[in-house]
């Protein structure tokens, strides 16, 4: 195993404006490391020539590849070509150039949609490519799978220390509250907050509330990514999560409690539930010495406070691209 100390390394966090990238940047700064960042206006990551030129000039030692074109089911269904092409270009441009300039370590972040729709639970890393994908986000999933395989290919052919990690469902500072592109934590937090302000008697949650999901506070993900950057070197994909799940009903009730909403929660069983359960097997990560530290109640409290502190900006932001 190739171990490394990130101190005194030139570290580029791509996608630093997104939830994951900004969390990695915050933690690096806390540890006395100032990451290299570049905005989308100055560097279009889908343009090969400009990415190669910029990376050859900057020559980072370490790359956290958190940049991606992201969105919910509606966005994936509406813009399949964009989701497949843009994400393929972002990752191939960065990974190939990282090889060219001799980057010491690259950490590629996947997505839970890479696993088969009907994978056994909890989902092991070995489930990759063992069955059909969920059709509503297959374009994004195919691109992410290609990124994982590209890291493995450069390791196999050139011995590049490129690793791939797979985060579970995330919440926390930097989340996307776009009305069409947000995911479950942001959508519920925003809904309960608005219901509290308007004294609404009822908040309706889609589905029966019985599906089980796993949620990880984004700062814990950042810690795991940095830990793996320093401690792990291998071709195997590594899941990052809690290994524990809750029902959507329990999750909604926890958000309601944190927000201080006093009304009633109704579940609209005419709406789809999705997969009955989705939780990651994190035994490989645990064997490497890392486990999460932020429990759901604490994490949701921090999440809501950040939301309150940034609500004006969030009302006008569209973070569909974490470039």
C-alpha atoms as a PDB file:
ATOM      1  CA  UNK A   1       0.000   0.000   0.000  1.00  0.00           C
ATOM      2  CA  UNK A   2       1.195   3.503  -0.870  1.00  0.00           C
ATOM      3  CA  UNK A   3       0.693   5.752   2.175  1.00  0.00           C
ATOM      4  CA  UNK A   4       0.933   9.527   1.880  1.00  0.00           C
ATOM      5  CA  UNK A   5       0.798  12.640   4.028  1.00  0.00           C
ATOM      6  CA  UNK A   6      -1.231  15.415   2.424  1.00  0.00           C
ATOM      7  CA  UNK A   7       0.744  18.102   4.241  1.00  0.00           C
ATOM      8  CA  UNK A   8       2.889  20.141   1.824  1.00  0.00           C
ATOM      9  CA  UNK A   9       1.090  18.613  -1.185  1.00  0.00           C
ATOM     10  CA  UNK A  10      -0.510  20.784  -3.856  1.00  0.00           C
ATOM     11  CA  UNK A  11      -4.118  19.580  -3.740  1.00  0.00           C
ATOM     12  CA  UNK A  12      -6.736  20.406  -6.354  1.00  0.00           C
ATOM     13  CA  UNK A  13     -10.364  19.945  -5.318  1.00  0.00           C
ATOM     14  CA  UNK A  14     -12.409  19.914  -8.516  1.00  0.00           C
ATOM     15  CA  UNK A  15     -16.057  20.757  -7.948  1.00  0.00           C
ATOM     16  CA  UNK A  16     -15.200  22.948  -4.944  1.00  0.00           C
ATOM     17  CA  UNK A  17     -18.536  24.797  -5.159  1.00  0.00           C
ATOM     18  CA  UNK A  18     -20.577  21.614  -4.731  1.00  0.00           C
ATOM     19  CA  UNK A  19     -21.619  20.014  -1.434  1.00  0.00           C
ATOM     20  CA  UNK A  20     -18.858  17.371  -1.471  1.00  0.00           C
ATOM     21  CA  UNK A  21     -16.078  19.548  -2.871  1.00  0.00           C
ATOM     22  CA  UNK A  22     -16.770  22.391  -0.453  1.00  0.00           C
ATOM     23  CA  UNK A  23     -16.749  19.966   2.494  1.00  0.00           C
ATOM     24  CA  UNK A  24     -13.360  18.572   1.431  1.00  0.00           C
ATOM     25  CA  UNK A  25     -12.022  22.129   1.072  1.00  0.00           C
ATOM     26  CA  UNK A  26     -13.271  23.087   4.561  1.00  0.00           C
ATOM     27  CA  UNK A  27     -11.593  20.116   6.174  1.00  0.00           C
ATOM     28  CA  UNK A  28      -8.314  20.667   4.342  1.00  0.00           C
ATOM     29  CA  UNK A  29      -8.258  24.303   5.470  1.00  0.00           C
ATOM     30  CA  UNK A  30      -8.955  23.197   9.053  1.00  0.00           C
ATOM     31  CA  UNK A  31      -5.855  21.007   8.773  1.00  0.00           C
ATOM     32  CA  UNK A  32      -3.718  23.896   7.562  1.00  0.00           C
ATOM     33  CA  UNK A  33      -3.812  22.977   3.876  1.00  0.00           C
ATOM     34  CA  UNK A  34      -4.943  25.523   1.291  1.00  0.00           C
ATOM     35  CA  UNK A  35      -6.395  23.644  -1.690  1.00  0.00           C
ATOM     36  CA  UNK A  36      -6.140  24.803  -5.280  1.00  0.00           C
ATOM     37  CA  UNK A  37      -9.554  25.718  -6.685  1.00  0.00           C
ATOM     38  CA  UNK A  38     -10.731  27.118 -10.005  1.00  0.00           C
ATOM     39  CA  UNK A  39     -14.233  28.238 -10.945  1.00  0.00           C
ATOM     40  CA  UNK A  40     -16.263  27.154 -13.932  1.00  0.00           C
ATOM     41  CA  UNK A  41     -15.976  30.588 -15.521  1.00  0.00           C
ATOM     42  CA  UNK A  42     -12.207  30.160 -15.649  1.00  0.00           C
ATOM     43  CA  UNK A  43     -12.043  26.453 -16.510  1.00  0.00           C
ATOM     44  CA  UNK A  44     -14.677  24.445 -18.379  1.00  0.00           C
ATOM     45  CA  UNK A  45     -13.934  20.885 -17.311  1.00  0.00           C
ATOM     46  CA  UNK A  46     -15.688  19.450 -20.371  1.00  0.00           C
ATOM     47  CA  UNK A  47     -13.124  21.074 -22.691  1.00  0.00           C
ATOM     48  CA  UNK A  48     -10.130  18.758 -23.097  1.00  0.00           C
ATOM     49  CA  UNK A  49      -7.597  21.292 -24.358  1.00  0.00           C
ATOM     50  CA  UNK A  50      -8.260  23.828 -21.615  1.00  0.00           C
ATOM     51  CA  UNK A  51      -8.213  21.186 -18.871  1.00  0.00           C
ATOM     52  CA  UNK A  52      -4.895  19.792 -20.139  1.00  0.00           C
ATOM     53  CA  UNK A  53      -3.366  23.264 -20.388  1.00  0.00           C
ATOM     54  CA  UNK A  54      -4.501  24.297 -16.902  1.00  0.00           C
ATOM     55  CA  UNK A  55      -3.408  21.059 -15.217  1.00  0.00           C
ATOM     56  CA  UNK A  56      -0.017  21.098 -16.974  1.00  0.00           C
ATOM     57  CA  UNK A  57       0.499  24.665 -15.720  1.00  0.00           C
ATOM     58  CA  UNK A  58      -0.668  24.063 -12.127  1.00  0.00           C
ATOM     59  CA  UNK A  59       0.706  20.518 -11.718  1.00  0.00           C
ATOM     60  CA  UNK A  60      -1.264  19.383  -8.646  1.00  0.00           C
ATOM     61  CA  UNK A  61       0.171  16.519  -6.606  1.00  0.00           C
ATOM     62  CA  UNK A  62      -3.259  15.282  -5.456  1.00  0.00           C
ATOM     63  CA  UNK A  63      -6.673  15.558  -7.114  1.00  0.00           C
ATOM     64  CA  UNK A  64     -10.070  15.087  -5.499  1.00  0.00           C
ATOM     65  CA  UNK A  65     -12.389  14.545  -8.476  1.00  0.00           C
ATOM     66  CA  UNK A  66     -15.698  15.725  -7.008  1.00  0.00           C
ATOM     67  CA  UNK A  67     -16.811  17.727 -10.058  1.00  0.00           C
ATOM     68  CA  UNK A  68     -19.886  16.439 -11.874  1.00  0.00           C
ATOM     69  CA  UNK A  69     -23.082  17.428 -13.601  1.00  0.00           C
ATOM     70  CA  UNK A  70     -25.694  16.386 -11.049  1.00  0.00           C
ATOM     71  CA  UNK A  71     -29.455  16.459 -10.649  1.00  0.00           C
ATOM     72  CA  UNK A  72     -32.533  14.528  -9.624  1.00  0.00           C
ATOM     73  CA  UNK A  73     -34.803  12.180 -11.553  1.00  0.00           C
ATOM     74  CA  UNK A  74     -36.431  14.977 -13.563  1.00  0.00           C
ATOM     75  CA  UNK A  75     -33.099  16.361 -14.747  1.00  0.00           C
ATOM     76  CA  UNK A  76     -31.746  12.919 -15.630  1.00  0.00           C
ATOM     77  CA  UNK A  77     -34.858  12.072 -17.631  1.00  0.00           C
ATOM     78  CA  UNK A  78     -34.932  15.433 -19.404  1.00  0.00           C
ATOM     79  CA  UNK A  79     -31.242  15.799 -20.287  1.00  0.00           C
ATOM     80  CA  UNK A  80     -29.831  12.267 -20.760  1.00  0.00           C
ATOM     81  CA  UNK A  81     -27.263  13.302 -23.380  1.00  0.00           C
ATOM     82  CA  UNK A  82     -25.959  16.133 -21.201  1.00  0.00           C
ATOM     83  CA  UNK A  83     -25.628  13.905 -18.152  1.00  0.00           C
ATOM     84  CA  UNK A  84     -23.773  11.187 -20.028  1.00  0.00           C
ATOM     85  CA  UNK A  85     -21.548  13.391 -22.208  1.00  0.00           C
ATOM     86  CA  UNK A  86     -20.637  16.102 -19.685  1.00  0.00           C
ATOM     87  CA  UNK A  87     -19.725  13.649 -16.938  1.00  0.00           C
ATOM     88  CA  UNK A  88     -17.717  11.452 -19.302  1.00  0.00           C
ATOM     89  CA  UNK A  89     -15.785  14.490 -20.503  1.00  0.00           C
ATOM     90  CA  UNK A  90     -15.124  15.880 -17.006  1.00  0.00           C
ATOM     91  CA  UNK A  91     -13.716  12.631 -15.639  1.00  0.00           C
ATOM     92  CA  UNK A  92     -11.792  11.524 -18.724  1.00  0.00           C
ATOM     93  CA  UNK A  93     -10.175  14.945 -19.169  1.00  0.00           C
ATOM     94  CA  UNK A  94      -9.037  15.083 -15.541  1.00  0.00           C
ATOM     95  CA  UNK A  95      -8.008  11.432 -15.123  1.00  0.00           C
ATOM     96  CA  UNK A  96      -6.065  11.260 -18.392  1.00  0.00           C
ATOM     97  CA  UNK A  97      -4.226  14.527 -17.694  1.00  0.00           C
ATOM     98  CA  UNK A  98      -3.530  13.439 -14.112  1.00  0.00           C
ATOM     99  CA  UNK A  99      -1.672  10.479 -15.609  1.00  0.00           C
ATOM    100  CA  UNK A 100       0.216  12.693 -18.048  1.00  0.00           C
ATOM    101  CA  UNK A 101       1.536  15.065 -15.379  1.00  0.00           C
ATOM    102  CA  UNK A 102       2.296  12.369 -12.802  1.00  0.00           C
ATOM    103  CA  UNK A 103      -0.320  13.165 -10.175  1.00  0.00           C
ATOM    104  CA  UNK A 104       0.633  11.234  -7.032  1.00  0.00           C
ATOM    105  CA  UNK A 105      -2.937  10.476  -5.937  1.00  0.00           C
ATOM    106  CA  UNK A 106      -6.382  10.882  -7.470  1.00  0.00           C
ATOM    107  CA  UNK A 107      -9.635  10.232  -5.597  1.00  0.00           C
ATOM    108  CA  UNK A 108     -12.676   9.756  -7.844  1.00  0.00           C
ATOM    109  CA  UNK A 109     -16.138  10.043  -6.287  1.00  0.00           C
ATOM    110  CA  UNK A 110     -18.892   7.823  -7.637  1.00  0.00           C
ATOM    111  CA  UNK A 111     -22.621   7.741  -6.862  1.00  0.00           C
ATOM    112  CA  UNK A 112     -24.946   5.170  -5.306  1.00  0.00           C
ATOM    113  CA  UNK A 113     -26.787   4.855  -8.627  1.00  0.00           C
ATOM    114  CA  UNK A 114     -23.820   2.901 -10.028  1.00  0.00           C
ATOM    115  CA  UNK A 115     -25.148  -0.242  -8.363  1.00  0.00           C
ATOM    116  CA  UNK A 116     -27.836  -2.486  -9.887  1.00  0.00           C
ATOM    117  CA  UNK A 117     -31.417  -1.535  -9.126  1.00  0.00           C
ATOM    118  CA  UNK A 118     -32.073  -4.940  -7.527  1.00  0.00           C
ATOM    119  CA  UNK A 119     -28.744  -5.408  -5.728  1.00  0.00           C
ATOM    120  CA  UNK A 120     -28.751  -7.433  -2.507  1.00  0.00           C
ATOM    121  CA  UNK A 121     -28.800  -5.335   0.675  1.00  0.00           C
ATOM    122  CA  UNK A 122     -26.583  -4.077   2.170  1.00  0.00           C
ATOM    123  CA  UNK A 123     -24.883  -3.315  -1.149  1.00  0.00           C
ATOM    124  CA  UNK A 124     -21.347  -4.641  -1.443  1.00  0.00           C
ATOM    125  CA  UNK A 125     -18.752  -3.164  -3.761  1.00  0.00           C
ATOM    126  CA  UNK A 126     -18.837  -6.535  -5.549  1.00  0.00           C
ATOM    127  CA  UNK A 127     -22.374  -5.759  -6.777  1.00  0.00           C
ATOM    128  CA  UNK A 128     -21.044  -3.374  -9.432  1.00  0.00           C
ATOM    129  CA  UNK A 129     -22.012  -4.486 -12.966  1.00  0.00           C
ATOM    130  CA  UNK A 130     -23.967  -7.525 -11.757  1.00  0.00           C
ATOM    131  CA  UNK A 131     -27.409  -6.377 -12.940  1.00  0.00           C
ATOM    132  CA  UNK A 132     -29.519  -3.688 -14.654  1.00  0.00           C
ATOM    133  CA  UNK A 133     -29.350  -0.085 -13.460  1.00  0.00           C
ATOM    134  CA  UNK A 134     -32.249   2.062 -12.274  1.00  0.00           C
ATOM    135  CA  UNK A 135     -33.603   3.494 -15.580  1.00  0.00           C
ATOM    136  CA  UNK A 136     -34.323   6.980 -14.204  1.00  0.00           C
ATOM    137  CA  UNK A 137     -30.651   7.779 -13.643  1.00  0.00           C
ATOM    138  CA  UNK A 138     -28.800   5.292 -15.837  1.00  0.00           C
ATOM    139  CA  UNK A 139     -27.103   8.033 -17.897  1.00  0.00           C
ATOM    140  CA  UNK A 140     -25.357   9.471 -14.845  1.00  0.00           C
ATOM    141  CA  UNK A 141     -24.645   5.980 -13.538  1.00  0.00           C
ATOM    142  CA  UNK A 142     -22.998   4.812 -16.765  1.00  0.00           C
ATOM    143  CA  UNK A 143     -20.726   7.871 -16.743  1.00  0.00           C
ATOM    144  CA  UNK A 144     -19.728   7.272 -13.116  1.00  0.00           C
ATOM    145  CA  UNK A 145     -19.053   3.593 -13.764  1.00  0.00           C
ATOM    146  CA  UNK A 146     -16.801   4.618 -16.646  1.00  0.00           C
ATOM    147  CA  UNK A 147     -14.871   6.891 -14.275  1.00  0.00           C
ATOM    148  CA  UNK A 148     -14.367   4.070 -11.790  1.00  0.00           C
ATOM    149  CA  UNK A 149     -13.172   1.740 -14.532  1.00  0.00           C
ATOM    150  CA  UNK A 150     -10.868   4.400 -15.955  1.00  0.00           C
ATOM    151  CA  UNK A 151      -9.156   4.761 -12.568  1.00  0.00           C
ATOM    152  CA  UNK A 152      -8.764   0.984 -12.397  1.00  0.00           C
ATOM    153  CA  UNK A 153      -7.438   0.870 -15.972  1.00  0.00           C
ATOM    154  CA  UNK A 154      -4.748   3.500 -15.368  1.00  0.00           C
ATOM    155  CA  UNK A 155      -3.702   1.650 -12.218  1.00  0.00           C
ATOM    156  CA  UNK A 156      -3.535  -1.660 -14.088  1.00  0.00           C
ATOM    157  CA  UNK A 157      -1.655  -0.325 -17.113  1.00  0.00           C
ATOM    158  CA  UNK A 158       0.482   2.439 -15.611  1.00  0.00           C
ATOM    159  CA  UNK A 159       0.480   1.792 -11.828  1.00  0.00           C
ATOM    160  CA  UNK A 160      -1.130   5.211 -11.224  1.00  0.00           C
ATOM    161  CA  UNK A 161      -2.372   5.611  -7.659  1.00  0.00           C
ATOM    162  CA  UNK A 162      -5.948   6.461  -8.633  1.00  0.00           C
ATOM    163  CA  UNK A 163      -8.709   5.260  -6.276  1.00  0.00           C
ATOM    164  CA  UNK A 164     -12.511   5.339  -6.519  1.00  0.00           C
ATOM    165  CA  UNK A 165     -14.923   5.787  -3.613  1.00  0.00           C
ATOM    166  CA  UNK A 166     -18.719   5.437  -3.453  1.00  0.00           C
ATOM    167  CA  UNK A 167     -20.623   7.746  -1.072  1.00  0.00           C
ATOM    168  CA  UNK A 168     -24.109   6.952   0.190  1.00  0.00           C
ATOM    169  CA  UNK A 169     -26.944   9.520   0.345  1.00  0.00           C
ATOM    170  CA  UNK A 170     -25.570  12.804   1.657  1.00  0.00           C
ATOM    171  CA  UNK A 171     -26.880  15.849   3.505  1.00  0.00           C
ATOM    172  CA  UNK A 172     -25.287  18.918   5.024  1.00  0.00           C
ATOM    173  CA  UNK A 173     -23.812  22.330   4.191  1.00  0.00           C
ATOM    174  CA  UNK A 174     -23.632  23.089   0.476  1.00  0.00           C
ATOM    175  CA  UNK A 175     -26.678  20.976  -0.399  1.00  0.00           C
ATOM    176  CA  UNK A 176     -28.773  21.791  -3.463  1.00  0.00           C
ATOM    177  CA  UNK A 177     -32.270  23.181  -2.789  1.00  0.00           C
ATOM    178  CA  UNK A 178     -33.292  23.601  -6.422  1.00  0.00           C
ATOM    179  CA  UNK A 179     -37.059  22.856  -6.680  1.00  0.00           C
ATOM    180  CA  UNK A 180     -36.566  20.232  -9.410  1.00  0.00           C
ATOM    181  CA  UNK A 181     -33.049  18.915  -8.770  1.00  0.00           C
ATOM    182  CA  UNK A 182     -32.864  18.569  -4.988  1.00  0.00           C
ATOM    183  CA  UNK A 183     -32.765  15.197  -3.265  1.00  0.00           C
ATOM    184  CA  UNK A 184     -34.784  13.905  -0.297  1.00  0.00           C
ATOM    185  CA  UNK A 185     -32.984  15.635   2.641  1.00  0.00           C
ATOM    186  CA  UNK A 186     -33.058  19.105   1.040  1.00  0.00           C
ATOM    187  CA  UNK A 187     -36.623  18.725  -0.225  1.00  0.00           C
ATOM    188  CA  UNK A 188     -37.921  17.661   3.191  1.00  0.00           C
ATOM    189  CA  UNK A 189     -35.956  20.257   5.155  1.00  0.00           C
ATOM    190  CA  UNK A 190     -37.248  23.055   2.932  1.00  0.00           C
ATOM    191  CA  UNK A 191     -40.826  21.742   3.082  1.00  0.00           C
ATOM    192  CA  UNK A 192     -40.921  21.445   6.886  1.00  0.00           C
ATOM    193  CA  UNK A 193     -39.336  24.866   7.350  1.00  0.00           C
ATOM    194  CA  UNK A 194     -41.916  26.523   5.087  1.00  0.00           C
ATOM    195  CA  UNK A 195     -44.722  24.641   6.837  1.00  0.00           C
ATOM    196  CA  UNK A 196     -43.478  25.876  10.198  1.00  0.00           C
ATOM    197  CA  UNK A 197     -43.414  29.501   9.022  1.00  0.00           C
ATOM    198  CA  UNK A 198     -46.907  29.282   7.525  1.00  0.00           C
ATOM    199  CA  UNK A 199     -48.382  27.334  10.468  1.00  0.00           C
ATOM    200  CA  UNK A 200     -49.499  24.584   8.103  1.00  0.00           C
ATOM    201  CA  UNK A 201     -51.387  21.826   9.874  1.00  0.00           C
ATOM    202  CA  UNK A 202     -50.150  19.078   7.545  1.00  0.00           C
ATOM    203  CA  UNK A 203     -46.965  18.257   5.639  1.00  0.00           C
ATOM    204  CA  UNK A 204     -47.323  15.603   2.955  1.00  0.00           C
ATOM    205  CA  UNK A 205     -44.445  13.223   2.264  1.00  0.00           C
ATOM    206  CA  UNK A 206     -44.446  11.114  -0.893  1.00  0.00           C
ATOM    207  CA  UNK A 207     -44.865   7.358  -0.522  1.00  0.00           C
ATOM    208  CA  UNK A 208     -45.741   5.169   2.408  1.00  0.00           C
ATOM    209  CA  UNK A 209     -42.769   6.156   4.560  1.00  0.00           C
ATOM    210  CA  UNK A 210     -41.658   2.532   4.849  1.00  0.00           C
ATOM    211  CA  UNK A 211     -38.620   2.417   2.481  1.00  0.00           C
ATOM    212  CA  UNK A 212     -35.303   2.394   4.297  1.00  0.00           C
ATOM    213  CA  UNK A 213     -32.443   4.722   3.361  1.00  0.00           C
ATOM    214  CA  UNK A 214     -28.945   5.508   4.632  1.00  0.00           C
ATOM    215  CA  UNK A 215     -27.835   9.121   5.202  1.00  0.00           C
ATOM    216  CA  UNK A 216     -24.297  10.431   5.825  1.00  0.00           C
ATOM    217  CA  UNK A 217     -23.360  13.939   6.966  1.00  0.00           C
ATOM    218  CA  UNK A 218     -21.200  15.447   4.241  1.00  0.00           C
ATOM    219  CA  UNK A 219     -18.370  16.491   6.587  1.00  0.00           C
ATOM    220  CA  UNK A 220     -17.988  12.828   7.548  1.00  0.00           C
ATOM    221  CA  UNK A 221     -17.662  11.987   3.856  1.00  0.00           C
ATOM    222  CA  UNK A 222     -14.916  14.607   3.534  1.00  0.00           C
ATOM    223  CA  UNK A 223     -13.064  13.034   6.470  1.00  0.00           C
ATOM    224  CA  UNK A 224     -13.347   9.595   4.872  1.00  0.00           C
ATOM    225  CA  UNK A 225     -12.079  10.868   1.511  1.00  0.00           C
ATOM    226  CA  UNK A 226      -9.034  12.504   3.090  1.00  0.00           C
ATOM    227  CA  UNK A 227      -8.425   9.432   5.259  1.00  0.00           C
ATOM    228  CA  UNK A 228      -8.512   7.150   2.211  1.00  0.00           C
ATOM    229  CA  UNK A 229      -6.295   9.517   0.228  1.00  0.00           C
ATOM    230  CA  UNK A 230      -3.624   9.083   2.896  1.00  0.00           C
ATOM    231  CA  UNK A 231      -4.176   5.449   3.907  1.00  0.00           C
ATOM    232  CA  UNK A 232      -5.613   3.504   0.960  1.00  0.00           C
ATOM    233  CA  UNK A 233      -4.118   2.440  -2.335  1.00  0.00           C
ATOM    234  CA  UNK A 234      -5.909  -0.240  -4.309  1.00  0.00           C
ATOM    235  CA  UNK A 235      -8.017  -0.983  -7.346  1.00  0.00           C
ATOM    236  CA  UNK A 236     -11.130  -1.955  -5.387  1.00  0.00           C
ATOM    237  CA  UNK A 237     -13.950   0.541  -5.098  1.00  0.00           C
ATOM    238  CA  UNK A 238     -14.608   1.584  -1.470  1.00  0.00           C
ATOM    239  CA  UNK A 239     -18.113   2.346  -0.150  1.00  0.00           C
ATOM    240  CA  UNK A 240     -18.446   5.311   2.222  1.00  0.00           C
ATOM    241  CA  UNK A 241     -21.475   5.405   4.492  1.00  0.00           C
ATOM    242  CA  UNK A 242     -22.829   4.625   7.928  1.00  0.00           C
ATOM    243  CA  UNK A 243     -23.894   1.053   7.284  1.00  0.00           C
ATOM    244  CA  UNK A 244     -27.132   1.925   9.130  1.00  0.00           C
ATOM    245  CA  UNK A 245     -30.478   2.910   7.662  1.00  0.00           C
ATOM    246  CA  UNK A 246     -33.760   4.463   8.787  1.00  0.00           C
ATOM    247  CA  UNK A 247     -37.234   4.483   7.302  1.00  0.00           C
ATOM    248  CA  UNK A 248     -38.301   7.547   5.344  1.00  0.00           C
ATOM    249  CA  UNK A 249     -40.936   8.003   8.062  1.00  0.00           C
ATOM    250  CA  UNK A 250     -38.236   8.100  10.756  1.00  0.00           C
ATOM    251  CA  UNK A 251     -36.148  10.467   8.650  1.00  0.00           C
ATOM    252  CA  UNK A 252     -39.082  12.825   8.064  1.00  0.00           C
ATOM    253  CA  UNK A 253     -39.934  12.798  11.769  1.00  0.00           C
ATOM    254  CA  UNK A 254     -36.311  13.588  12.655  1.00  0.00           C
ATOM    255  CA  UNK A 255     -36.287  16.599  10.284  1.00  0.00           C
ATOM    256  CA  UNK A 256     -39.673  17.736  11.619  1.00  0.00           C
ATOM    257  CA  UNK A 257     -38.283  17.629  15.159  1.00  0.00           C
ATOM    258  CA  UNK A 258     -35.097  19.536  14.295  1.00  0.00           C
ATOM    259  CA  UNK A 259     -37.065  22.229  12.464  1.00  0.00           C
ATOM    260  CA  UNK A 260     -39.587  22.519  15.289  1.00  0.00           C
ATOM    261  CA  UNK A 261     -42.638  21.820  13.152  1.00  0.00           C
ATOM    262  CA  UNK A 262     -45.677  21.083  15.337  1.00  0.00           C
ATOM    263  CA  UNK A 263     -48.173  19.888  12.725  1.00  0.00           C
ATOM    264  CA  UNK A 264     -49.036  16.471  11.362  1.00  0.00           C
ATOM    265  CA  UNK A 265     -47.176  14.406   8.773  1.00  0.00           C
ATOM    266  CA  UNK A 266     -49.205  12.593   6.132  1.00  0.00           C
ATOM    267  CA  UNK A 267     -47.882   9.982   3.718  1.00  0.00           C
ATOM    268  CA  UNK A 268     -49.214   9.947   0.161  1.00  0.00           C
ATOM    269  CA  UNK A 269     -49.255   6.247  -0.709  1.00  0.00           C
ATOM    270  CA  UNK A 270     -50.351   7.048  -4.264  1.00  0.00           C
ATOM    271  CA  UNK A 271     -46.807   8.294  -4.879  1.00  0.00           C
ATOM    272  CA  UNK A 272     -44.008   5.798  -5.654  1.00  0.00           C
ATOM    273  CA  UNK A 273     -41.803   4.464  -2.873  1.00  0.00           C
ATOM    274  CA  UNK A 274     -38.844   3.481  -5.024  1.00  0.00           C
ATOM    275  CA  UNK A 275     -36.536   0.753  -3.793  1.00  0.00           C
ATOM    276  CA  UNK A 276     -37.703  -0.869  -0.513  1.00  0.00           C
ATOM    277  CA  UNK A 277     -34.196  -0.536   0.941  1.00  0.00           C
ATOM    278  CA  UNK A 278     -30.899   1.054  -0.026  1.00  0.00           C
ATOM    279  CA  UNK A 279     -27.941   0.793   2.328  1.00  0.00           C
ATOM    280  CA  UNK A 280     -24.243   0.230   1.709  1.00  0.00           C
ATOM    281  CA  UNK A 281     -22.007  -2.487   3.061  1.00  0.00           C
ATOM    282  CA  UNK A 282     -19.183  -0.478   4.662  1.00  0.00           C
ATOM    283  CA  UNK A 283     -17.193  -3.385   6.076  1.00  0.00           C
ATOM    284  CA  UNK A 284     -14.268  -2.728   3.720  1.00  0.00           C
ATOM    285  CA  UNK A 285     -14.005   0.861   4.937  1.00  0.00           C
ATOM    286  CA  UNK A 286     -14.265  -0.246   8.564  1.00  0.00           C
ATOM    287  CA  UNK A 287     -11.453  -2.752   8.017  1.00  0.00           C
ATOM    288  CA  UNK A 288      -9.278   0.182   6.881  1.00  0.00           C
ATOM    289  CA  UNK A 289      -9.897   1.899  10.222  1.00  0.00           C
ATOM    290  CA  UNK A 290     -12.566   4.526   9.491  1.00  0.00           C
ATOM    291  CA  UNK A 291     -16.164   4.870  10.712  1.00  0.00           C
ATOM    292  CA  UNK A 292     -18.524   7.839  10.716  1.00  0.00           C
ATOM    293  CA  UNK A 293     -18.870  10.059  13.804  1.00  0.00           C
ATOM    294  CA  UNK A 294     -21.866  12.349  13.219  1.00  0.00           C
ATOM    295  CA  UNK A 295     -25.163  10.813  14.325  1.00  0.00           C
ATOM    296  CA  UNK A 296     -28.333  11.751  12.450  1.00  0.00           C
ATOM    297  CA  UNK A 297     -29.774  14.088  15.085  1.00  0.00           C
ATOM    298  CA  UNK A 298     -26.529  16.057  15.434  1.00  0.00           C
ATOM    299  CA  UNK A 299     -26.007  16.199  11.687  1.00  0.00           C
ATOM    300  CA  UNK A 300     -29.540  17.391  10.976  1.00  0.00           C
ATOM    301  CA  UNK A 301     -29.158  20.110  13.603  1.00  0.00           C
ATOM    302  CA  UNK A 302     -26.013  21.420  11.910  1.00  0.00           C
ATOM    303  CA  UNK A 303     -27.697  21.089   8.515  1.00  0.00           C
ATOM    304  CA  UNK A 304     -30.712  23.161   9.561  1.00  0.00           C
ATOM    305  CA  UNK A 305     -28.563  25.872  11.124  1.00  0.00           C
ATOM    306  CA  UNK A 306     -26.550  26.170   7.916  1.00  0.00           C
ATOM    307  CA  UNK A 307     -29.813  26.344   5.948  1.00  0.00           C
ATOM    308  CA  UNK A 308     -31.074  29.193   8.159  1.00  0.00           C
ATOM    309  CA  UNK A 309     -27.780  31.056   7.851  1.00  0.00           C
ATOM    310  CA  UNK A 310     -27.834  30.813   4.037  1.00  0.00           C
ATOM    311  CA  UNK A 311     -31.514  30.799   3.176  1.00  0.00           C
ATOM    312  CA  UNK A 312     -31.469  34.004   1.127  1.00  0.00           C
ATOM    313  CA  UNK A 313     -28.719  32.749  -1.171  1.00  0.00           C
ATOM    314  CA  UNK A 314     -30.302  29.300  -1.430  1.00  0.00           C
ATOM    315  CA  UNK A 315     -33.538  30.761  -2.727  1.00  0.00           C
ATOM    316  CA  UNK A 316     -31.708  32.043  -5.812  1.00  0.00           C
ATOM    317  CA  UNK A 317     -29.121  29.319  -6.350  1.00  0.00           C
ATOM    318  CA  UNK A 318     -29.120  26.487  -8.874  1.00  0.00           C
ATOM    319  CA  UNK A 319     -26.299  24.087  -8.118  1.00  0.00           C
ATOM    320  CA  UNK A 320     -27.128  21.575 -10.817  1.00  0.00           C
ATOM    321  CA  UNK A 321     -23.458  21.485 -11.756  1.00  0.00           C
ATOM    322  CA  UNK A 322     -20.866  20.898  -9.048  1.00  0.00           C
ATOM    323  CA  UNK A 323     -17.997  22.018 -11.314  1.00  0.00           C
END
